[in-house]
Amino acid sequence: MHAIPIITFEPYYAKASYGDRDETIGGITYTREGYDSKSFGVNALLGNPDGSGFHFFPYVGLGKTKLTRTGEEINKTGYNFGFGLGMSPAQKISIQIRSEFSMVVTGDTSRKFGGINAGVSYRLLP
């Protein structure tokens, strides 16, 4: 959905599982269990990712995020921003690659995640 010609709103749903991580503190190694994450929200893209030719677009997003692991559950507002590269090889088809930084504020600290994704979309309407 386009609010004005240069801004595109995009709803999203994301699900991820983050692996365990070993940390050494004072010579003792600890294993921290990774989170399972589910989130939904909306991104605002500057530009039209489905446009013709090559194009770059920054974006920001806001959503609801749930992080869970054994004995812990976090339900907070999540924020994300990123940068994408889009290409349209044919009318109604778009290929996109994006890098993203996501953050969930959990009081005095925050949980931060990075990601890269790629996708192909087909536009049904003109």
N, C-alpha and C. Protein backbone atom coordinates (compact mmCIF):
# COMPACT_ATOMS: atom_id res chain seq x y z
N MET A 1 0.84 -1.17 0.00
CA MET A 1 0.00 0.00 0.00
C MET A 1 0.89 1.23 0.00
N HIS A 2 0.64 2.19 -0.87
CA HIS A 2 1.42 3.41 -0.99
C HIS A 2 0.67 4.57 -0.36
N ALA A 3 1.28 5.22 0.67
CA ALA A 3 0.66 6.37 1.31
C ALA A 3 0.79 7.60 0.42
N ILE A 4 1.98 7.84 -0.02
CA ILE A 4 2.29 8.88 -1.00
C ILE A 4 3.30 8.24 -1.94
N PRO A 5 3.55 8.81 -3.11
CA PRO A 5 4.39 8.12 -4.09
C PRO A 5 5.77 7.66 -3.60
N ILE A 6 6.32 8.29 -2.57
CA ILE A 6 7.67 7.89 -2.16
C ILE A 6 7.71 7.02 -0.91
N ILE A 7 6.56 6.72 -0.28
CA ILE A 7 6.54 5.88 0.92
C ILE A 7 5.63 4.67 0.68
N THR A 8 6.14 3.49 0.99
CA THR A 8 5.38 2.26 0.87
C THR A 8 5.26 1.62 2.25
N PHE A 9 4.04 1.27 2.67
CA PHE A 9 3.84 0.57 3.93
C PHE A 9 3.72 -0.92 3.64
N GLU A 10 4.39 -1.72 4.47
CA GLU A 10 4.47 -3.15 4.25
C GLU A 10 4.24 -3.89 5.58
N PRO A 11 3.15 -4.62 5.71
CA PRO A 11 2.97 -5.43 6.93
C PRO A 11 3.95 -6.60 6.91
N TYR A 12 4.34 -7.07 8.09
CA TYR A 12 5.25 -8.21 8.13
C TYR A 12 4.94 -9.15 9.30
N TYR A 13 5.34 -10.39 9.14
CA TYR A 13 5.36 -11.40 10.20
C TYR A 13 6.72 -12.07 10.10
N ALA A 14 7.39 -12.24 11.22
CA ALA A 14 8.72 -12.86 11.21
C ALA A 14 8.81 -13.89 12.33
N LYS A 15 9.53 -14.97 12.05
CA LYS A 15 9.74 -16.02 13.03
C LYS A 15 11.19 -16.47 12.89
N ALA A 16 11.88 -16.63 14.04
CA ALA A 16 13.28 -17.03 14.00
C ALA A 16 13.63 -17.83 15.25
N SER A 17 14.66 -18.66 15.13
CA SER A 17 15.23 -19.39 16.27
C SER A 17 16.72 -19.06 16.32
N TYR A 18 17.16 -18.59 17.47
CA TYR A 18 18.56 -18.22 17.64
C TYR A 18 19.25 -19.29 18.47
N GLY A 19 20.41 -19.71 18.03
CA GLY A 19 21.14 -20.80 18.68
C GLY A 19 21.75 -20.41 20.00
N ASP A 20 22.21 -21.43 20.71
CA ASP A 20 22.89 -21.22 21.98
C ASP A 20 24.25 -20.56 21.73
N ARG A 21 24.76 -19.90 22.77
CA ARG A 21 26.04 -19.20 22.63
C ARG A 21 26.89 -19.45 23.86
N ASP A 22 28.17 -19.75 23.65
CA ASP A 22 29.12 -19.93 24.75
C ASP A 22 29.82 -18.61 25.02
N GLU A 23 29.91 -18.25 26.32
CA GLU A 23 30.62 -17.04 26.74
C GLU A 23 31.58 -17.41 27.85
N THR A 24 32.78 -16.85 27.81
CA THR A 24 33.78 -17.11 28.85
C THR A 24 33.94 -15.84 29.67
N ILE A 25 33.65 -15.96 30.96
CA ILE A 25 33.77 -14.83 31.88
C ILE A 25 34.65 -15.28 33.04
N GLY A 26 35.77 -14.60 33.25
CA GLY A 26 36.68 -14.95 34.34
C GLY A 26 37.23 -16.35 34.22
N GLY A 27 37.43 -16.83 33.00
CA GLY A 27 37.98 -18.16 32.77
C GLY A 27 36.97 -19.30 32.84
N ILE A 28 35.70 -18.97 33.13
CA ILE A 28 34.65 -19.99 33.21
C ILE A 28 33.74 -19.82 32.00
N THR A 29 33.48 -20.92 31.29
CA THR A 29 32.64 -20.88 30.09
C THR A 29 31.19 -21.19 30.46
N TYR A 30 30.29 -20.30 30.04
CA TYR A 30 28.86 -20.46 30.26
C TYR A 30 28.16 -20.61 28.91
N THR A 31 27.10 -21.41 28.88
CA THR A 31 26.29 -21.54 27.67
C THR A 31 24.98 -20.82 27.90
N ARG A 32 24.68 -19.86 27.04
CA ARG A 32 23.42 -19.12 27.12
C ARG A 32 22.48 -19.68 26.06
N GLU A 33 21.28 -20.03 26.49
CA GLU A 33 20.28 -20.57 25.57
C GLU A 33 19.78 -19.46 24.64
N GLY A 34 19.63 -19.79 23.37
CA GLY A 34 19.11 -18.83 22.39
C GLY A 34 17.61 -18.65 22.50
N TYR A 35 17.11 -17.60 21.91
CA TYR A 35 15.67 -17.29 21.92
C TYR A 35 14.96 -17.87 20.71
N ASP A 36 13.67 -18.10 20.86
CA ASP A 36 12.76 -18.28 19.74
C ASP A 36 11.99 -16.98 19.66
N SER A 37 11.84 -16.45 18.46
CA SER A 37 11.26 -15.13 18.27
C SER A 37 10.10 -15.17 17.29
N LYS A 38 9.04 -14.44 17.63
CA LYS A 38 7.92 -14.22 16.72
C LYS A 38 7.58 -12.74 16.79
N SER A 39 7.36 -12.12 15.63
CA SER A 39 7.00 -10.70 15.63
C SER A 39 6.11 -10.38 14.44
N PHE A 40 5.32 -9.32 14.61
CA PHE A 40 4.49 -8.82 13.53
C PHE A 40 4.42 -7.31 13.66
N GLY A 41 4.25 -6.63 12.54
CA GLY A 41 4.20 -5.17 12.56
C GLY A 41 4.11 -4.60 11.17
N VAL A 42 4.63 -3.38 11.02
CA VAL A 42 4.59 -2.71 9.73
C VAL A 42 5.92 -1.99 9.48
N ASN A 43 6.39 -2.05 8.25
CA ASN A 43 7.57 -1.32 7.81
C ASN A 43 7.15 -0.17 6.91
N ALA A 44 7.89 0.92 6.98
CA ALA A 44 7.70 2.04 6.06
C ALA A 44 8.96 2.13 5.21
N LEU A 45 8.80 1.92 3.88
CA LEU A 45 9.92 1.94 2.95
C LEU A 45 9.95 3.27 2.23
N LEU A 46 11.12 3.85 2.12
CA LEU A 46 11.28 5.08 1.36
C LEU A 46 11.52 4.70 -0.09
N GLY A 47 10.51 4.89 -0.91
CA GLY A 47 10.59 4.50 -2.31
C GLY A 47 9.67 3.33 -2.59
N ASN A 48 9.71 2.83 -3.80
CA ASN A 48 8.86 1.72 -4.22
C ASN A 48 9.75 0.52 -4.54
N PRO A 49 9.72 -0.53 -3.72
CA PRO A 49 10.60 -1.68 -3.97
C PRO A 49 10.23 -2.47 -5.23
N ASP A 50 9.05 -2.22 -5.80
CA ASP A 50 8.62 -2.93 -7.01
C ASP A 50 8.90 -2.15 -8.29
N GLY A 51 9.55 -1.01 -8.19
CA GLY A 51 9.79 -0.18 -9.37
C GLY A 51 10.70 -0.83 -10.39
N SER A 52 10.76 -0.27 -11.57
CA SER A 52 11.57 -0.85 -12.64
C SER A 52 13.05 -0.56 -12.42
N GLY A 53 13.90 -1.43 -12.97
CA GLY A 53 15.34 -1.28 -12.88
C GLY A 53 15.87 -1.58 -11.48
N PHE A 54 17.12 -1.15 -11.21
CA PHE A 54 17.73 -1.31 -9.89
C PHE A 54 17.37 -0.11 -9.03
N HIS A 55 17.12 -0.34 -7.75
CA HIS A 55 16.85 0.76 -6.84
C HIS A 55 17.21 0.36 -5.41
N PHE A 56 17.65 1.34 -4.66
CA PHE A 56 17.98 1.17 -3.25
C PHE A 56 16.89 1.81 -2.42
N PHE A 57 16.60 1.23 -1.25
CA PHE A 57 15.59 1.84 -0.39
C PHE A 57 15.89 1.56 1.08
N PRO A 58 15.86 2.61 1.90
CA PRO A 58 15.94 2.42 3.35
C PRO A 58 14.54 2.16 3.90
N TYR A 59 14.46 1.56 5.07
CA TYR A 59 13.16 1.35 5.69
C TYR A 59 13.29 1.30 7.21
N VAL A 60 12.18 1.58 7.88
CA VAL A 60 12.07 1.50 9.34
C VAL A 60 10.79 0.74 9.67
N GLY A 61 10.76 0.11 10.82
CA GLY A 61 9.57 -0.65 11.19
C GLY A 61 9.31 -0.63 12.68
N LEU A 62 8.07 -0.97 13.01
CA LEU A 62 7.61 -1.01 14.38
C LEU A 62 6.68 -2.22 14.51
N GLY A 63 6.84 -2.98 15.58
CA GLY A 63 5.99 -4.15 15.71
C GLY A 63 5.97 -4.70 17.12
N LYS A 64 5.26 -5.77 17.30
CA LYS A 64 5.16 -6.48 18.57
C LYS A 64 6.04 -7.72 18.48
N THR A 65 6.91 -7.92 19.46
CA THR A 65 7.86 -9.04 19.43
C THR A 65 7.73 -9.88 20.69
N LYS A 66 7.76 -11.20 20.51
CA LYS A 66 7.73 -12.14 21.63
C LYS A 66 8.99 -13.00 21.54
N LEU A 67 9.83 -12.92 22.58
CA LEU A 67 11.05 -13.72 22.67
C LEU A 67 10.86 -14.73 23.80
N THR A 68 11.12 -16.01 23.53
CA THR A 68 10.96 -17.04 24.56
C THR A 68 12.19 -17.95 24.60
N ARG A 69 12.50 -18.39 25.79
CA ARG A 69 13.47 -19.45 26.04
C ARG A 69 13.13 -20.04 27.40
N THR A 70 13.74 -21.11 27.78
CA THR A 70 13.39 -21.80 29.02
C THR A 70 13.38 -20.83 30.20
N GLY A 71 12.22 -20.69 30.83
CA GLY A 71 12.09 -19.85 32.01
C GLY A 71 12.00 -18.36 31.76
N GLU A 72 11.91 -17.93 30.51
CA GLU A 72 11.86 -16.50 30.22
C GLU A 72 10.97 -16.22 29.01
N GLU A 73 10.15 -15.20 29.14
CA GLU A 73 9.31 -14.76 28.03
C GLU A 73 9.29 -13.23 28.03
N ILE A 74 9.59 -12.65 26.89
CA ILE A 74 9.60 -11.19 26.75
C ILE A 74 8.58 -10.82 25.67
N ASN A 75 7.61 -9.98 26.02
CA ASN A 75 6.62 -9.45 25.08
C ASN A 75 6.77 -7.94 25.07
N LYS A 76 7.40 -7.40 24.06
CA LYS A 76 7.68 -5.96 24.01
C LYS A 76 7.53 -5.44 22.59
N THR A 77 7.58 -4.13 22.49
CA THR A 77 7.59 -3.47 21.18
C THR A 77 8.98 -3.64 20.57
N GLY A 78 9.01 -3.99 19.30
CA GLY A 78 10.27 -4.15 18.59
C GLY A 78 10.43 -3.07 17.53
N TYR A 79 11.65 -2.69 17.28
CA TYR A 79 11.98 -1.67 16.28
C TYR A 79 12.96 -2.28 15.30
N ASN A 80 12.88 -1.88 14.05
CA ASN A 80 13.86 -2.35 13.08
C ASN A 80 14.12 -1.27 12.04
N PHE A 81 15.28 -1.37 11.44
CA PHE A 81 15.60 -0.51 10.30
C PHE A 81 16.57 -1.26 9.42
N GLY A 82 16.59 -0.88 8.18
CA GLY A 82 17.47 -1.58 7.27
C GLY A 82 17.60 -0.88 5.93
N PHE A 83 18.22 -1.60 5.04
CA PHE A 83 18.51 -1.08 3.71
C PHE A 83 18.29 -2.21 2.72
N GLY A 84 17.63 -1.91 1.62
CA GLY A 84 17.34 -2.94 0.63
C GLY A 84 17.80 -2.56 -0.76
N LEU A 85 17.96 -3.57 -1.58
CA LEU A 85 18.28 -3.43 -2.99
C LEU A 85 17.22 -4.20 -3.76
N GLY A 86 16.54 -3.52 -4.66
CA GLY A 86 15.49 -4.16 -5.44
C GLY A 86 15.81 -4.13 -6.92
N MET A 87 15.26 -5.10 -7.63
CA MET A 87 15.45 -5.19 -9.07
C MET A 87 14.18 -5.78 -9.66
N SER A 88 13.76 -5.25 -10.79
CA SER A 88 12.56 -5.77 -11.45
C SER A 88 12.95 -6.23 -12.85
N PRO A 89 13.18 -7.55 -13.04
CA PRO A 89 13.60 -8.06 -14.34
C PRO A 89 12.46 -8.12 -15.36
N ALA A 90 11.23 -8.10 -14.89
CA ALA A 90 10.06 -8.15 -15.77
C ALA A 90 8.91 -7.43 -15.08
N GLN A 91 7.94 -7.00 -15.84
CA GLN A 91 6.79 -6.31 -15.27
C GLN A 91 6.08 -7.22 -14.27
N LYS A 92 5.72 -6.68 -13.12
CA LYS A 92 5.02 -7.35 -12.03
C LYS A 92 5.90 -8.29 -11.20
N ILE A 93 7.17 -8.47 -11.53
CA ILE A 93 8.07 -9.33 -10.75
C ILE A 93 9.16 -8.46 -10.14
N SER A 94 9.43 -8.68 -8.84
CA SER A 94 10.45 -7.92 -8.14
C SER A 94 11.32 -8.88 -7.34
N ILE A 95 12.63 -8.63 -7.35
CA ILE A 95 13.60 -9.39 -6.56
C ILE A 95 14.21 -8.40 -5.59
N GLN A 96 14.27 -8.78 -4.30
CA GLN A 96 14.80 -7.87 -3.28
C GLN A 96 15.79 -8.59 -2.37
N ILE A 97 16.80 -7.85 -1.96
CA ILE A 97 17.76 -8.30 -0.94
C ILE A 97 17.79 -7.21 0.12
N ARG A 98 17.68 -7.60 1.38
CA ARG A 98 17.64 -6.62 2.47
C ARG A 98 18.58 -7.02 3.60
N SER A 99 19.14 -6.00 4.25
CA SER A 99 19.85 -6.21 5.51
C SER A 99 19.08 -5.44 6.57
N GLU A 100 19.02 -6.00 7.78
CA GLU A 100 18.17 -5.40 8.80
C GLU A 100 18.80 -5.51 10.17
N PHE A 101 18.56 -4.50 10.99
CA PHE A 101 18.93 -4.49 12.39
C PHE A 101 17.64 -4.36 13.19
N SER A 102 17.41 -5.27 14.14
CA SER A 102 16.20 -5.25 14.97
C SER A 102 16.59 -5.12 16.44
N MET A 103 15.72 -4.48 17.21
CA MET A 103 16.00 -4.27 18.62
C MET A 103 14.70 -4.35 19.42
N VAL A 104 14.77 -4.99 20.58
CA VAL A 104 13.66 -5.06 21.52
C VAL A 104 14.17 -4.50 22.84
N VAL A 105 13.61 -3.39 23.31
CA VAL A 105 14.02 -2.78 24.57
C VAL A 105 13.38 -3.55 25.71
N THR A 106 14.20 -4.00 26.67
CA THR A 106 13.71 -4.82 27.78
C THR A 106 14.01 -4.14 29.12
N GLY A 107 13.65 -2.90 29.26
CA GLY A 107 13.94 -2.16 30.49
C GLY A 107 15.21 -1.35 30.31
N ASP A 108 16.21 -1.63 31.16
CA ASP A 108 17.48 -0.90 31.09
C ASP A 108 18.40 -1.43 30.00
N THR A 109 18.08 -2.58 29.43
CA THR A 109 18.90 -3.17 28.37
C THR A 109 18.04 -3.41 27.14
N SER A 110 18.63 -4.03 26.15
CA SER A 110 17.88 -4.38 24.93
C SER A 110 18.47 -5.64 24.32
N ARG A 111 17.67 -6.31 23.52
CA ARG A 111 18.11 -7.46 22.73
C ARG A 111 18.22 -6.99 21.29
N LYS A 112 19.35 -7.27 20.67
CA LYS A 112 19.59 -6.80 19.31
C LYS A 112 19.86 -7.98 18.40
N PHE A 113 19.33 -7.88 17.17
CA PHE A 113 19.47 -8.95 16.19
C PHE A 113 19.76 -8.35 14.83
N GLY A 114 20.52 -9.04 14.03
CA GLY A 114 20.79 -8.62 12.65
C GLY A 114 20.35 -9.72 11.71
N GLY A 115 20.01 -9.34 10.50
CA GLY A 115 19.60 -10.35 9.54
C GLY A 115 19.72 -9.90 8.11
N ILE A 116 19.75 -10.86 7.23
CA ILE A 116 19.78 -10.62 5.79
C ILE A 116 18.71 -11.53 5.18
N ASN A 117 17.91 -11.00 4.28
CA ASN A 117 16.93 -11.85 3.62
C ASN A 117 16.82 -11.49 2.15
N ALA A 118 16.33 -12.44 1.39
CA ALA A 118 16.13 -12.24 -0.05
C ALA A 118 14.77 -12.82 -0.41
N GLY A 119 14.15 -12.22 -1.42
CA GLY A 119 12.83 -12.72 -1.82
C GLY A 119 12.44 -12.28 -3.21
N VAL A 120 11.44 -12.96 -3.71
CA VAL A 120 10.86 -12.64 -5.02
C VAL A 120 9.38 -12.38 -4.81
N SER A 121 8.85 -11.34 -5.40
CA SER A 121 7.41 -11.07 -5.28
C SER A 121 6.80 -10.90 -6.66
N TYR A 122 5.52 -11.25 -6.71
CA TYR A 122 4.76 -11.11 -7.93
C TYR A 122 3.53 -10.26 -7.62
N ARG A 123 3.34 -9.20 -8.34
CA ARG A 123 2.24 -8.27 -8.10
C ARG A 123 1.04 -8.68 -8.93
N LEU A 124 -0.08 -9.00 -8.27
CA LEU A 124 -1.29 -9.42 -8.95
C LEU A 124 -2.06 -8.25 -9.58
N LEU A 125 -2.09 -7.13 -8.88
CA LEU A 125 -2.84 -5.96 -9.37
C LEU A 125 -1.93 -5.08 -10.22
N PRO A 126 -2.50 -4.27 -11.10
CA PRO A 126 -1.68 -3.41 -11.96
C PRO A 126 -0.93 -2.34 -11.22
